[in-house]
Amino acid sequence: MESDPDDAIIVRSTIDLAHNLGLSVVAEGVENAAITEQLRVLGCHEAQGYHLSRPMPASAFMEWLSR
């Protein structure tokens, strides 16, 4: 999405479609701050990916969340 305008169009269209259907949007595979910001501007509600956190056991999640 950072380097390919066609990818950005697809993501924007998908987010718009979800909003028009009354759905919230979760982006998967977010790998850096620039993509996180682009998604925020496009109206993406939630994100997950290595930029936010590496996979962790469920037992570690509450500690991570409190930070």
C-alpha atoms as a PDB file:
ATOM      1  CA  MET A   1       0.000   0.000   0.000  1.00  0.00           C
ATOM      2  CA  GLU A   2       2.931   2.344   0.633  1.00  0.00           C
ATOM      3  CA  SER A   3       4.489   1.950  -2.787  1.00  0.00           C
ATOM      4  CA  ASP A   4       1.632   0.795  -5.022  1.00  0.00           C
ATOM      5  CA  PRO A   5      -1.227   3.233  -5.653  1.00  0.00           C
ATOM      6  CA  ASP A   6      -3.430   0.368  -6.872  1.00  0.00           C
ATOM      7  CA  ASP A   7      -3.075  -1.367  -3.502  1.00  0.00           C
ATOM      8  CA  ALA A   8      -4.112   1.839  -1.744  1.00  0.00           C
ATOM      9  CA  ILE A   9      -7.205   2.078  -3.961  1.00  0.00           C
ATOM     10  CA  ILE A  10      -8.183  -1.497  -3.116  1.00  0.00           C
ATOM     11  CA  VAL A  11      -7.746  -0.892   0.620  1.00  0.00           C
ATOM     12  CA  ARG A  12      -9.697   2.399   0.521  1.00  0.00           C
ATOM     13  CA  SER A  13     -12.494   0.754  -1.482  1.00  0.00           C
ATOM     14  CA  THR A  14     -12.683  -2.172   0.923  1.00  0.00           C
ATOM     15  CA  ILE A  15     -12.877   0.123   3.947  1.00  0.00           C
ATOM     16  CA  ASP A  16     -15.554   2.248   2.248  1.00  0.00           C
ATOM     17  CA  LEU A  17     -17.575  -0.861   1.379  1.00  0.00           C
ATOM     18  CA  ALA A  18     -17.419  -2.097   4.971  1.00  0.00           C
ATOM     19  CA  HIS A  19     -18.533   1.302   6.266  1.00  0.00           C
ATOM     20  CA  ASN A  20     -21.428   1.388   3.790  1.00  0.00           C
ATOM     21  CA  LEU A  21     -22.518  -2.028   5.081  1.00  0.00           C
ATOM     22  CA  GLY A  22     -22.353  -0.843   8.684  1.00  0.00           C
ATOM     23  CA  LEU A  23     -19.328  -2.975   9.507  1.00  0.00           C
ATOM     24  CA  SER A  24     -16.193  -2.140  11.427  1.00  0.00           C
ATOM     25  CA  VAL A  25     -12.833  -2.769   9.807  1.00  0.00           C
ATOM     26  CA  VAL A  26      -9.814  -4.694  11.114  1.00  0.00           C
ATOM     27  CA  ALA A  27      -6.598  -4.538   9.088  1.00  0.00           C
ATOM     28  CA  GLU A  28      -4.319  -7.547   9.330  1.00  0.00           C
ATOM     29  CA  GLY A  29      -0.594  -7.702   8.678  1.00  0.00           C
ATOM     30  CA  VAL A  30       0.218  -4.096   9.589  1.00  0.00           C
ATOM     31  CA  GLU A  31       4.005  -3.907   9.591  1.00  0.00           C
ATOM     32  CA  ASN A  32       4.979  -0.264  10.133  1.00  0.00           C
ATOM     33  CA  ALA A  33       3.884   3.141  11.428  1.00  0.00           C
ATOM     34  CA  ALA A  34       3.320   4.605   7.955  1.00  0.00           C
ATOM     35  CA  ILE A  35       0.760   1.933   7.069  1.00  0.00           C
ATOM     36  CA  THR A  36      -0.872   2.325  10.490  1.00  0.00           C
ATOM     37  CA  GLU A  37      -1.314   6.046   9.836  1.00  0.00           C
ATOM     38  CA  GLN A  38      -2.632   5.516   6.295  1.00  0.00           C
ATOM     39  CA  LEU A  39      -5.201   3.065   7.629  1.00  0.00           C
ATOM     40  CA  ARG A  40      -6.227   5.501  10.378  1.00  0.00           C
ATOM     41  CA  VAL A  41      -6.769   8.265   7.827  1.00  0.00           C
ATOM     42  CA  LEU A  42      -8.852   5.887   5.687  1.00  0.00           C
ATOM     43  CA  GLY A  43     -11.102   5.114   8.662  1.00  0.00           C
ATOM     44  CA  CYS A  44      -9.879   1.660   9.627  1.00  0.00           C
ATOM     45  CA  HIS A  45     -11.130   0.879  13.139  1.00  0.00           C
ATOM     46  CA  GLU A  46      -8.608  -1.694  14.365  1.00  0.00           C
ATOM     47  CA  ALA A  47      -5.323  -3.185  13.231  1.00  0.00           C
ATOM     48  CA  GLN A  48      -3.103  -6.107  14.034  1.00  0.00           C
ATOM     49  CA  GLY A  49       0.350  -7.052  12.884  1.00  0.00           C
ATOM     50  CA  TYR A  50       4.025  -7.082  13.752  1.00  0.00           C
ATOM     51  CA  HIS A  51       4.163  -3.281  14.019  1.00  0.00           C
ATOM     52  CA  LEU A  52       1.806  -3.433  16.987  1.00  0.00           C
ATOM     53  CA  SER A  53       3.014  -6.662  18.586  1.00  0.00           C
ATOM     54  CA  ARG A  54       4.586  -9.992  17.789  1.00  0.00           C
ATOM     55  CA  PRO A  55       2.503 -13.080  18.564  1.00  0.00           C
ATOM     56  CA  MET A  56       2.324 -13.862  22.275  1.00  0.00           C
ATOM     57  CA  PRO A  57       0.737 -16.401  24.567  1.00  0.00           C
ATOM     58  CA  ALA A  58      -2.689 -15.487  25.916  1.00  0.00           C
ATOM     59  CA  SER A  59      -1.221 -15.398  29.417  1.00  0.00           C
ATOM     60  CA  ALA A  60       1.043 -12.460  28.403  1.00  0.00           C
ATOM     61  CA  PHE A  61      -1.683 -10.444  26.686  1.00  0.00           C
ATOM     62  CA  MET A  62      -3.122  -8.682  29.759  1.00  0.00           C
ATOM     63  CA  GLU A  63       0.334  -7.507  30.816  1.00  0.00           C
ATOM     64  CA  TRP A  64       1.012  -6.239  27.280  1.00  0.00           C
ATOM     65  CA  LEU A  65      -2.372  -4.494  27.195  1.00  0.00           C
ATOM     66  CA  SER A  66      -1.729  -2.669  30.469  1.00  0.00           C
ATOM     67  CA  ARG A  67       1.447  -1.116  29.030  1.00  0.00           C
END
